[in-house]
Amino acid sequence: MKSVLSKIFSNSFILIIITAIIKLPLLFTKNIQEDSFITWRVARNLVNYGVIGFNGDERISASTTHLYVLITAFFQLVFGEYFIVPLLVFSGILFAVGSLWLAKILFPDDILKRGFFVVFLNMLPPALTASALGMEYGILFFLYNALIYFGVFKGKNWAYLILPILLLWTRIDTVIFLGVFFWADLIIKRKINALFIIGGILGVVSVVSFNYLYFGELVNHTITAKKIAYKNLIQNDSLVHSLYQWAYYGGLIKKYSIYTFLLFIAFLGFLLYCIITIVKERSLLSFKTKVILIAMVSFALLKITLFSYFKAYFDWYYWLPRVFMFVVILYYFLQFLPVKQKILIPIAFLATFGLYSFQLLQSYTIGYMEERQRMQIAADIKNDKVGMNQSILLEPAGIIPFYTNLYTYDEVGLVDKRINDEMLKDENFWWINSVNRFRPNYILTIAKKPGDSGSFYKIKPEDMVTFNQHYKLEKTYPISKIHDNAPKILRWIYKIRPIGKDYFLYKIVK
């Protein structure tokens, strides 16, 4: 058995195929991150109109990632409307290649452990979400590890020059990763790497220059819009809440509580123990590899801390930091746990398979809800044979605009700057002011109807009369109905964590 596995794991192509097969069940859960559809619509806009934007010929950096937009546009040109599955498989393969490069650093001579490391890492929840939920993080993990392997580890000059540029064109916040690994490279080589600096400068200058010349902004509009829209989103600025938020985004448990915080602290304590054990060992790893591992964890904790402190509320920002923390723990289990390999591997498999099953169930929970709510809303609107000549005001601007192709105004202002203009003019009544100004054909509200007590959609009494004259409630999409009709296991989960909210679809009165 050992010799068979060694032959399989020695073939990188077969190993990558195995990881791709492992991720395929996730596609059947129909769980795709909502913001992926924003990037995909920007890519389709580029294909159809030749403009990087969201609404026809209007230029706007509605997606945070330029490189992923271009890659998605290529897949749409090749596969047409069936591009999604090939793109997700491609993302998963890139993630697996990145994990293989990491494995070559950590297990240069042990092919068996290298193979198990790749397989187990790709089964972990943050790896699955980064690979198969539609965001740019499979590509980003590939580029991160390309720089670590070819640059910091092997010292290839081209890697220091080209990869920082590609990273910054994927996400501008990769400057955090580049900063951490610049210091790691400095510690390893004991001299300043001029090419690394040049690559970083070229990346920043090229992205900022492109944004300014093409969009008229220095940074992506998504950053500006979120800063305006989310300014007062969370009123609780207490230290306790901040610590809960840090643990919520740093760990796997999606619940604000003392138990989540304590569990994350325990996880970090074990992570620290793993690092100390690895650093103390003198024969298995070189100084260079130890610095790389410490840099990974430093980057992970720095990004989690910075983003949670600055109230970055989206879980996908934290996927790859979690992956890098798991890298250290998985390496410790495979290399340092004092258990015979014939016992160790089954134990490691059962542990990772448990986490793998946890993620599949979580994705199924979300995918089931999305399929029966937002996808259904999109289908109902499409029955009216709509297009870009009609409009909608809603949040979020993902699934529904992607499938209906309506001209879109979103409640964050990601896809239309004029929404942010209204927010800056009037923080309280910007929503109804936007309705009066733009007169969208459809309006979708979340949780409550406009004008209801405690509603996000604040309206003055005189505007309420006008709203009722011009819009009628077309359909209600109660989340309780989806929960009640779900399979038994999902009903049980929805009771523990009742995700989703009611939606109310309004249509303009002709």
Protein backbone atom coordinates (compact mmCIF):
# COMPACT_ATOMS: atom_id res chain seq x y z
CA MET A 1 0.00 0.00 0.00
CA LYS A 2 2.81 2.38 0.92
CA SER A 3 4.58 1.82 -2.39
CA VAL A 4 1.33 2.35 -4.34
CA LEU A 5 0.64 5.63 -2.58
CA SER A 6 4.24 6.75 -3.10
CA LYS A 7 3.86 6.16 -6.85
CA ILE A 8 0.59 8.10 -6.93
CA PHE A 9 1.89 11.02 -4.85
CA SER A 10 5.14 11.21 -6.84
CA ASN A 11 3.04 12.14 -9.89
CA SER A 12 2.04 15.78 -9.43
CA PHE A 13 -0.64 15.58 -12.13
CA ILE A 14 -2.44 12.68 -10.41
CA LEU A 15 -2.16 14.41 -7.04
CA ILE A 16 -3.77 17.56 -8.42
CA ILE A 17 -6.57 15.50 -10.04
CA ILE A 18 -7.26 13.85 -6.67
CA THR A 19 -7.70 17.25 -5.02
CA ALA A 20 -10.00 18.38 -7.86
CA ILE A 21 -12.20 15.31 -7.35
CA ILE A 22 -12.30 15.98 -3.60
CA LYS A 23 -13.74 19.45 -4.26
CA LEU A 24 -16.38 18.39 -6.81
CA PRO A 25 -19.09 17.58 -4.19
CA LEU A 26 -18.96 21.21 -3.08
CA LEU A 27 -20.23 22.28 -6.50
CA PHE A 28 -23.41 20.25 -5.99
CA THR A 29 -24.28 22.22 -2.83
CA LYS A 30 -24.93 25.24 -5.11
CA ASN A 31 -23.19 27.46 -2.57
CA ILE A 32 -21.47 30.25 -4.47
CA GLN A 33 -20.39 33.41 -2.69
CA GLU A 34 -22.74 36.25 -3.62
CA ASP A 35 -19.94 38.70 -4.48
CA SER A 36 -18.59 36.29 -7.08
CA PHE A 37 -21.56 37.19 -9.25
CA ILE A 38 -20.55 40.85 -9.08
CA THR A 39 -17.12 40.05 -10.52
CA TRP A 40 -18.69 37.71 -13.09
CA ARG A 41 -21.11 40.40 -14.24
CA VAL A 42 -18.25 42.90 -14.55
CA ALA A 43 -16.44 40.33 -16.70
CA ARG A 44 -19.56 39.81 -18.84
CA ASN A 45 -19.89 43.58 -19.18
CA LEU A 46 -16.31 43.64 -20.49
CA VAL A 47 -17.11 40.88 -23.00
CA ASN A 48 -20.39 42.44 -24.19
CA TYR A 49 -19.61 46.18 -24.05
CA GLY A 50 -15.80 46.31 -24.01
CA VAL A 51 -16.02 48.26 -20.73
CA ILE A 52 -14.92 47.30 -17.23
CA GLY A 53 -18.09 48.21 -15.44
CA PHE A 54 -21.44 46.87 -14.28
CA ASN A 55 -24.11 48.77 -16.19
CA GLY A 56 -23.31 48.79 -19.90
CA ASP A 57 -20.90 51.49 -21.04
CA GLU A 58 -20.49 53.08 -17.57
CA ARG A 59 -16.98 52.61 -16.21
CA ILE A 60 -16.79 51.62 -12.54
CA SER A 61 -14.48 49.33 -10.58
CA ALA A 62 -17.36 47.37 -9.06
CA SER A 63 -15.09 44.36 -8.53
CA THR A 64 -12.19 44.44 -6.07
CA THR A 65 -10.03 42.32 -8.37
CA HIS A 66 -8.87 43.32 -11.85
CA LEU A 67 -6.95 40.14 -12.70
CA TYR A 68 -9.84 37.82 -11.80
CA VAL A 69 -12.17 39.93 -13.98
CA LEU A 70 -9.88 39.33 -16.97
CA ILE A 71 -9.60 35.60 -16.24
CA THR A 72 -13.39 35.29 -15.87
CA ALA A 73 -13.93 37.21 -19.11
CA PHE A 74 -11.67 34.69 -20.88
CA PHE A 75 -13.70 31.78 -19.46
CA GLN A 76 -16.93 33.45 -20.56
CA LEU A 77 -15.58 33.87 -24.08
CA VAL A 78 -14.58 30.20 -24.23
CA PHE A 79 -17.50 28.54 -22.39
CA GLY A 80 -20.28 31.10 -22.80
CA GLU A 81 -23.05 30.87 -20.20
CA TYR A 82 -21.62 27.54 -18.98
CA PHE A 83 -18.40 29.12 -17.71
CA ILE A 84 -19.06 28.75 -13.97
CA VAL A 85 -18.16 25.09 -13.40
CA PRO A 86 -14.96 25.23 -15.52
CA LEU A 87 -13.92 28.42 -13.71
CA LEU A 88 -14.49 26.88 -10.28
CA VAL A 89 -12.57 23.73 -11.25
CA PHE A 90 -9.74 25.91 -12.57
CA SER A 91 -9.67 27.86 -9.29
CA GLY A 92 -9.54 24.62 -7.30
CA ILE A 93 -6.68 23.31 -9.41
CA LEU A 94 -4.68 26.51 -8.93
CA PHE A 95 -5.19 26.25 -5.18
CA ALA A 96 -3.96 22.64 -5.26
CA VAL A 97 -0.86 23.62 -7.24
CA GLY A 98 -0.11 26.29 -4.64
CA SER A 99 -0.46 23.72 -1.86
CA LEU A 100 1.88 21.37 -3.74
CA TRP A 101 4.58 24.05 -3.84
CA LEU A 102 4.17 24.47 -0.10
CA ALA A 103 4.46 20.71 0.37
CA LYS A 104 7.73 20.67 -1.59
CA ILE A 105 9.15 23.24 0.83
CA LEU A 106 8.00 21.36 3.93
CA PHE A 107 8.61 17.79 2.75
CA PRO A 108 11.51 17.95 0.26
CA ASP A 109 12.33 14.23 0.55
CA ASP A 110 9.26 12.50 1.97
CA ILE A 111 6.92 11.96 -0.99
CA LEU A 112 4.31 10.12 1.08
CA LYS A 113 3.90 12.87 3.66
CA ARG A 114 4.03 15.48 0.90
CA GLY A 115 1.09 13.82 -0.82
CA PHE A 116 -0.96 13.48 2.35
CA PHE A 117 -0.24 17.11 3.21
CA VAL A 118 -1.64 18.27 -0.14
CA VAL A 119 -4.72 16.06 0.10
CA PHE A 120 -5.51 16.92 3.72
CA LEU A 121 -4.92 20.67 3.27
CA ASN A 122 -7.30 20.75 0.29
CA MET A 123 -9.99 19.04 2.41
CA LEU A 124 -10.02 21.72 5.11
CA PRO A 125 -12.94 24.23 5.22
CA PRO A 126 -11.01 27.42 4.37
CA ALA A 127 -9.30 25.63 1.46
CA LEU A 128 -12.66 24.43 0.12
CA THR A 129 -14.24 27.87 0.34
CA ALA A 130 -11.23 29.59 -1.22
CA SER A 131 -11.19 27.03 -4.04
CA ALA A 132 -14.82 26.52 -4.95
CA LEU A 133 -17.07 29.39 -3.85
CA GLY A 134 -16.30 31.55 -6.87
CA MET A 135 -14.08 34.26 -5.42
CA GLU A 136 -10.51 35.08 -6.52
CA TYR A 137 -8.85 33.27 -3.63
CA GLY A 138 -7.86 30.09 -5.46
CA ILE A 139 -5.86 32.24 -7.85
CA LEU A 140 -4.53 34.33 -4.97
CA PHE A 141 -3.33 31.27 -3.04
CA PHE A 142 -1.57 30.09 -6.21
CA LEU A 143 0.22 33.44 -6.55
CA TYR A 144 1.07 33.67 -2.84
CA ASN A 145 2.76 30.29 -2.91
CA ALA A 146 4.40 30.93 -6.25
CA LEU A 147 6.18 33.88 -4.64
CA ILE A 148 7.05 31.86 -1.52
CA TYR A 149 8.35 28.87 -3.49
CA PHE A 150 10.06 30.45 -6.50
CA GLY A 151 11.02 33.71 -4.83
CA VAL A 152 11.73 33.41 -1.11
CA PHE A 153 12.60 29.69 -1.13
CA LYS A 154 14.40 29.24 -4.48
CA GLY A 155 15.57 32.80 -5.05
CA LYS A 156 14.37 33.15 -8.66
CA ASN A 157 14.73 36.79 -9.73
CA TRP A 158 11.75 36.72 -12.11
CA ALA A 159 9.46 35.75 -9.21
CA TYR A 160 10.40 38.85 -7.19
CA LEU A 161 9.66 41.10 -10.15
CA ILE A 162 6.55 39.57 -11.76
CA LEU A 163 4.58 37.98 -8.93
CA PRO A 164 4.15 41.14 -6.77
CA ILE A 165 2.61 42.83 -9.82
CA LEU A 166 0.18 39.94 -10.40
CA LEU A 167 -0.70 39.83 -6.71
CA LEU A 168 -1.49 43.54 -6.55
CA TRP A 169 -3.60 43.30 -9.71
CA THR A 170 -5.54 40.51 -8.02
CA ARG A 171 -6.13 42.41 -4.77
CA ILE A 172 -4.54 45.64 -3.59
CA ASP A 173 -4.56 44.41 0.02
CA THR A 174 -1.92 41.81 -0.90
CA VAL A 175 0.48 44.59 0.03
CA ILE A 176 0.21 43.13 3.57
CA PHE A 177 1.48 39.75 2.37
CA LEU A 178 4.23 41.38 0.33
CA GLY A 179 5.36 43.43 3.32
CA VAL A 180 5.57 40.41 5.63
CA PHE A 181 7.45 38.29 3.13
CA PHE A 182 9.79 41.12 2.20
CA TRP A 183 10.96 41.02 5.83
CA ALA A 184 11.11 37.22 5.74
CA ASP A 185 13.29 37.42 2.63
CA LEU A 186 15.48 40.04 4.30
CA ILE A 187 15.97 37.83 7.38
CA ILE A 188 16.83 34.79 5.24
CA LYS A 189 19.23 36.51 2.84
CA ARG A 190 20.47 39.20 5.24
CA LYS A 191 20.33 41.82 2.52
CA ILE A 192 17.70 44.05 0.91
CA ASN A 193 16.22 42.54 -2.25
CA ALA A 194 16.04 45.40 -4.78
CA LEU A 195 14.01 43.34 -7.27
CA PHE A 196 11.39 42.62 -4.61
CA ILE A 197 11.08 46.36 -3.94
CA ILE A 198 10.90 47.16 -7.66
CA GLY A 199 8.25 44.49 -8.21
CA GLY A 200 6.13 45.89 -5.37
CA ILE A 201 6.51 49.48 -6.59
CA LEU A 202 5.63 48.50 -10.17
CA GLY A 203 2.58 46.63 -8.90
CA VAL A 204 1.26 49.53 -6.83
CA VAL A 205 2.04 52.19 -9.44
CA SER A 206 0.51 50.19 -12.31
CA VAL A 207 -2.73 49.43 -10.43
CA VAL A 208 -3.16 52.94 -9.06
CA SER A 209 -2.33 54.50 -12.45
CA PHE A 210 -4.81 52.23 -14.23
CA ASN A 211 -7.52 53.03 -11.69
CA TYR A 212 -6.93 56.76 -12.08
CA LEU A 213 -6.68 56.80 -15.89
CA TYR A 214 -9.55 54.37 -16.53
CA PHE A 215 -11.96 54.99 -13.62
CA GLY A 216 -10.84 58.40 -12.37
CA GLU A 217 -10.11 56.96 -8.89
CA LEU A 218 -6.88 55.98 -7.16
CA VAL A 219 -8.34 52.89 -5.45
CA ASN A 220 -11.11 50.51 -6.48
CA HIS A 221 -14.54 52.03 -6.01
CA THR A 222 -15.56 49.02 -3.90
CA ILE A 223 -13.25 50.29 -1.15
CA THR A 224 -14.67 53.83 -1.29
CA ALA A 225 -18.29 52.65 -1.41
CA LYS A 226 -17.94 50.30 1.58
CA LYS A 227 -16.23 53.02 3.61
CA ILE A 228 -19.23 55.29 3.04
CA ALA A 229 -21.99 52.69 3.33
CA TYR A 230 -20.71 50.77 6.35
CA LYS A 231 -19.67 53.77 8.41
CA ASN A 232 -22.45 53.25 10.96
CA LEU A 233 -23.22 49.58 10.35
CA ILE A 234 -22.10 48.31 13.79
CA GLN A 235 -22.82 50.56 16.74
CA ASN A 236 -21.09 48.36 19.34
CA ASP A 237 -17.46 49.51 19.62
CA SER A 238 -16.78 47.82 22.96
CA LEU A 239 -13.59 45.85 23.53
CA VAL A 240 -15.61 42.68 24.19
CA HIS A 241 -17.42 42.95 20.85
CA SER A 242 -14.14 43.64 19.05
CA LEU A 243 -12.57 40.52 20.56
CA TYR A 244 -15.61 38.44 19.63
CA GLN A 245 -15.36 39.78 16.08
CA TRP A 246 -11.65 38.93 15.94
CA ALA A 247 -12.39 35.34 17.01
CA TYR A 248 -15.44 35.09 14.72
CA TYR A 249 -13.39 35.89 11.63
CA GLY A 250 -10.21 34.16 12.73
CA GLY A 251 -11.86 30.81 13.46
CA LEU A 252 -14.38 28.47 11.89
CA ILE A 253 -17.31 28.93 14.29
CA LYS A 254 -19.71 31.54 12.91
CA LYS A 255 -21.22 32.81 16.14
CA TYR A 256 -20.39 35.85 18.27
CA SER A 257 -19.92 34.43 21.77
CA ILE A 258 -17.49 33.90 24.62
CA TYR A 259 -17.23 30.24 23.59
CA THR A 260 -16.09 31.17 20.07
CA PHE A 261 -13.51 33.53 21.56
CA LEU A 262 -12.19 30.95 24.04
CA LEU A 263 -12.04 28.27 21.35
CA PHE A 264 -10.05 30.60 19.08
CA ILE A 265 -7.66 31.44 21.93
CA ALA A 266 -7.17 27.72 22.54
CA PHE A 267 -6.51 27.25 18.81
CA LEU A 268 -3.91 30.03 18.85
CA GLY A 269 -2.30 28.52 21.94
CA PHE A 270 -1.92 25.20 20.18
CA LEU A 271 -0.66 27.00 17.06
CA LEU A 272 2.01 28.73 19.18
CA TYR A 273 3.01 25.39 20.70
CA CYS A 274 3.36 23.92 17.17
CA ILE A 275 5.56 26.82 16.04
CA ILE A 276 7.82 26.60 19.09
CA THR A 277 8.20 22.83 18.60
CA ILE A 278 9.02 23.28 14.91
CA VAL A 279 11.53 26.08 15.53
CA LYS A 280 13.33 24.14 18.27
CA GLU A 281 13.82 21.08 16.04
CA ARG A 282 17.21 21.23 14.30
CA SER A 283 17.35 18.44 11.73
CA LEU A 284 14.06 18.36 9.79
CA LEU A 285 13.77 21.94 8.55
CA SER A 286 16.26 24.54 7.39
CA PHE A 287 16.40 28.03 8.88
CA LYS A 288 14.88 29.33 5.65
CA THR A 289 11.81 27.08 5.91
CA LYS A 290 11.28 27.98 9.56
CA VAL A 291 11.29 31.67 8.68
CA ILE A 292 8.75 30.99 5.91
CA LEU A 293 6.43 29.19 8.33
CA ILE A 294 6.69 31.99 10.89
CA ALA A 295 6.02 34.54 8.13
CA MET A 296 2.87 32.64 7.10
CA VAL A 297 1.46 32.74 10.60
CA SER A 298 2.52 36.38 11.04
CA PHE A 299 0.72 37.33 7.84
CA ALA A 300 -2.37 35.36 8.85
CA LEU A 301 -2.67 36.95 12.29
CA LEU A 302 -1.77 40.43 11.03
CA LYS A 303 -4.45 40.35 8.33
CA ILE A 304 -7.11 38.90 10.65
CA THR A 305 -6.33 41.53 13.29
CA LEU A 306 -6.17 44.49 10.90
CA PHE A 307 -9.29 43.57 8.96
CA SER A 308 -11.39 42.80 12.04
CA TYR A 309 -10.16 46.04 13.70
CA PHE A 310 -11.16 48.08 10.65
CA LYS A 311 -14.52 46.26 10.57
CA ALA A 312 -14.12 44.31 7.34
CA TYR A 313 -17.30 42.28 7.74
CA PHE A 314 -16.91 39.69 4.99
CA ASP A 315 -15.79 36.17 5.76
CA TRP A 316 -13.87 35.65 2.51
CA TYR A 317 -11.19 38.15 3.55
CA TYR A 318 -10.12 35.62 6.18
CA TRP A 319 -10.15 32.36 4.20
CA LEU A 320 -6.48 32.34 3.24
CA PRO A 321 -5.17 33.51 6.64
CA ARG A 322 -6.99 30.50 8.12
CA VAL A 323 -5.42 28.23 5.49
CA PHE A 324 -1.91 29.42 6.41
CA MET A 325 -2.54 28.77 10.10
CA PHE A 326 -3.75 25.27 9.27
CA VAL A 327 -0.58 24.70 7.23
CA VAL A 328 1.52 24.90 10.40
CA ILE A 329 -0.81 22.66 12.40
CA LEU A 330 -1.05 20.06 9.63
CA TYR A 331 2.73 20.04 9.26
CA TYR A 332 3.08 19.50 13.02
CA PHE A 333 0.64 16.58 12.94
CA LEU A 334 2.39 14.85 10.04
CA GLN A 335 5.94 15.47 11.19
CA PHE A 336 6.01 15.78 14.98
CA LEU A 337 3.11 13.87 16.49
CA PRO A 338 4.67 10.89 18.34
CA VAL A 339 2.44 8.29 16.66
CA LYS A 340 3.33 5.57 14.17
CA GLN A 341 2.54 6.52 10.59
CA LYS A 342 0.10 3.63 10.06
CA ILE A 343 -1.96 5.07 12.94
CA LEU A 344 -1.23 8.76 12.30
CA ILE A 345 -2.51 8.89 8.71
CA PRO A 346 -5.95 7.35 9.47
CA ILE A 347 -6.33 9.70 12.46
CA ALA A 348 -5.38 12.72 10.34
CA PHE A 349 -7.76 11.57 7.60
CA LEU A 350 -10.68 11.18 10.01
CA ALA A 351 -10.02 14.63 11.48
CA THR A 352 -9.82 16.34 8.08
CA PHE A 353 -12.76 14.35 6.75
CA GLY A 354 -14.81 15.55 9.71
CA LEU A 355 -13.97 19.16 8.88
CA TYR A 356 -14.56 18.45 5.17
CA SER A 357 -18.04 17.08 5.97
CA PHE A 358 -18.69 20.10 8.20
CA GLN A 359 -17.97 22.45 5.29
CA LEU A 360 -20.09 20.43 2.85
CA LEU A 361 -23.02 20.60 5.25
CA GLN A 362 -22.51 24.32 5.82
CA SER A 363 -22.35 24.96 2.07
CA TYR A 364 -25.46 22.85 1.52
CA THR A 365 -27.23 24.88 4.21
CA ILE A 366 -26.42 28.14 2.40
CA GLY A 367 -26.85 26.78 -1.12
CA TYR A 368 -30.30 25.37 -0.35
CA MET A 369 -31.43 28.76 0.94
CA GLU A 370 -29.96 30.72 -2.01
CA GLU A 371 -31.48 28.38 -4.58
CA ARG A 372 -34.97 28.85 -3.10
CA GLN A 373 -34.81 32.55 -2.40
CA ARG A 374 -32.50 34.84 -4.41
CA MET A 375 -32.33 32.47 -7.38
CA GLN A 376 -36.13 32.26 -7.27
CA ILE A 377 -36.42 36.05 -7.13
CA ALA A 378 -34.18 36.29 -10.21
CA ALA A 379 -36.31 33.70 -12.01
CA ASP A 380 -39.55 35.55 -11.16
CA ILE A 381 -38.16 38.85 -12.46
CA LYS A 382 -36.82 37.18 -15.62
CA ASN A 383 -40.35 36.01 -16.41
CA ASP A 384 -41.10 39.68 -17.19
CA LYS A 385 -38.50 39.47 -20.02
CA VAL A 386 -36.38 42.28 -18.57
CA GLY A 387 -33.02 43.68 -19.65
CA MET A 388 -30.60 46.58 -19.29
CA ASN A 389 -33.31 49.08 -20.28
CA GLN A 390 -35.04 48.40 -16.95
CA SER A 391 -33.58 48.84 -13.47
CA ILE A 392 -33.58 47.50 -9.93
CA LEU A 393 -32.55 48.84 -6.52
CA LEU A 394 -31.47 46.09 -4.12
CA GLU A 395 -28.81 44.59 -1.93
CA PRO A 396 -26.70 42.59 -2.62
CA ALA A 397 -25.86 43.20 -6.28
CA GLY A 398 -24.83 39.61 -7.04
CA ILE A 399 -27.15 36.79 -8.08
CA ILE A 400 -30.21 38.79 -9.10
CA PRO A 401 -28.49 41.41 -11.32
CA PHE A 402 -26.29 38.67 -12.84
CA TYR A 403 -29.21 36.52 -13.96
CA THR A 404 -31.70 39.29 -14.83
CA ASN A 405 -29.21 41.66 -16.50
CA LEU A 406 -31.13 44.63 -15.11
CA TYR A 407 -29.50 48.03 -14.80
CA THR A 408 -28.58 48.00 -11.11
CA TYR A 409 -28.46 50.35 -8.17
CA ASP A 410 -27.25 48.66 -4.99
CA GLU A 411 -27.62 49.81 -1.40
CA VAL A 412 -23.85 49.94 -0.85
CA GLY A 413 -23.12 51.91 -4.00
CA LEU A 414 -20.67 49.32 -5.34
CA VAL A 415 -22.08 49.42 -8.86
CA ASP A 416 -23.35 53.01 -9.06
CA LYS A 417 -21.55 55.95 -7.43
CA ARG A 418 -24.69 58.05 -7.38
CA ILE A 419 -26.02 55.96 -4.50
CA ASN A 420 -22.99 57.04 -2.45
CA ASP A 421 -23.69 60.63 -3.43
CA GLU A 422 -27.16 60.29 -1.93
CA MET A 423 -25.69 58.77 1.25
CA LEU A 424 -23.34 61.71 1.66
CA LYS A 425 -26.17 64.19 1.12
CA ASP A 426 -28.57 62.60 3.63
CA GLU A 427 -27.52 59.72 5.89
CA ASN A 428 -31.07 59.06 7.08
CA PHE A 429 -33.22 59.30 3.96
CA TRP A 430 -30.77 58.47 1.18
CA TRP A 431 -32.71 55.33 0.24
CA ILE A 432 -36.06 56.99 -0.52
CA ASN A 433 -34.20 59.92 -2.10
CA SER A 434 -32.54 57.40 -4.44
CA VAL A 435 -35.91 55.84 -5.25
CA ASN A 436 -37.37 59.25 -6.08
CA ARG A 437 -34.34 60.21 -8.15
CA PHE A 438 -33.82 57.03 -10.17
CA ARG A 439 -37.33 55.50 -10.23
CA PRO A 440 -36.15 51.88 -10.58
CA ASN A 441 -38.60 49.44 -12.18
CA TYR A 442 -38.03 46.95 -9.35
CA ILE A 443 -37.13 47.40 -5.69
CA LEU A 444 -36.07 44.58 -3.40
CA THR A 445 -35.97 45.17 0.33
CA ILE A 446 -34.56 42.92 3.07
CA ALA A 447 -36.06 41.95 6.44
CA LYS A 448 -38.72 44.69 6.51
CA LYS A 449 -40.85 46.78 4.20
CA PRO A 450 -40.11 50.46 3.63
CA GLY A 451 -41.50 52.57 6.42
CA ASP A 452 -41.96 49.70 8.90
CA SER A 453 -40.88 50.28 12.49
CA GLY A 454 -37.15 49.64 12.79
CA SER A 455 -36.82 49.33 9.03
CA PHE A 456 -33.51 50.10 7.32
CA TYR A 457 -35.58 51.88 4.64
CA LYS A 458 -36.48 55.14 6.35
CA ILE A 459 -39.20 57.24 4.74
CA LYS A 460 -40.84 60.53 5.62
CA PRO A 461 -44.66 60.36 5.80
CA GLU A 462 -45.12 62.43 2.65
CA ASP A 463 -42.68 60.20 0.75
CA MET A 464 -44.53 57.10 1.97
CA VAL A 465 -47.67 58.30 0.20
CA THR A 466 -45.74 58.86 -3.03
CA PHE A 467 -44.01 55.47 -2.72
CA ASN A 468 -47.33 53.64 -2.34
CA GLN A 469 -48.70 55.47 -5.37
CA HIS A 470 -45.81 54.45 -7.60
CA TYR A 471 -44.92 50.97 -6.34
CA LYS A 472 -46.87 47.87 -5.45
CA LEU A 473 -45.71 44.85 -3.46
CA GLU A 474 -45.33 42.15 -6.10
CA LYS A 475 -44.27 39.21 -3.94
CA THR A 476 -42.94 38.31 -0.49
CA TYR A 477 -40.21 35.70 0.01
CA PRO A 478 -40.36 34.62 3.67
CA ILE A 479 -37.28 32.83 4.96
CA SER A 480 -39.37 30.85 7.44
CA LYS A 481 -41.07 29.03 4.57
CA ILE A 482 -37.67 27.91 3.23
CA HIS A 483 -36.57 26.76 6.69
CA ASP A 484 -39.83 24.88 7.34
CA ASN A 485 -39.73 23.05 4.00
CA ALA A 486 -36.04 22.15 4.18
CA PRO A 487 -34.79 18.57 4.68
CA LYS A 488 -34.76 17.47 8.31
CA ILE A 489 -31.02 17.95 8.87
CA LEU A 490 -31.19 21.49 7.47
CA ARG A 491 -34.22 22.35 9.61
CA TRP A 492 -32.18 21.34 12.64
CA ILE A 493 -29.27 23.56 11.54
CA TYR A 494 -31.55 26.51 10.76
CA LYS A 495 -32.88 26.33 14.32
CA ILE A 496 -29.33 26.58 15.70
CA ARG A 497 -28.21 29.22 13.22
CA PRO A 498 -31.22 30.83 11.52
CA ILE A 499 -29.53 32.29 8.44
CA GLY A 500 -31.37 34.35 5.86
CA LYS A 501 -34.01 37.09 5.97
CA ASP A 502 -37.34 37.90 4.36
CA TYR A 503 -37.33 39.65 0.97
CA PHE A 504 -40.00 41.96 -0.42
CA LEU A 505 -40.19 42.59 -4.18
CA TYR A 506 -41.82 45.81 -5.36
CA LYS A 507 -42.65 46.71 -8.94
CA ILE A 508 -43.29 50.15 -10.39
CA VAL A 509 -46.89 50.95 -11.27
CA LYS A 510 -47.19 51.80 -14.96
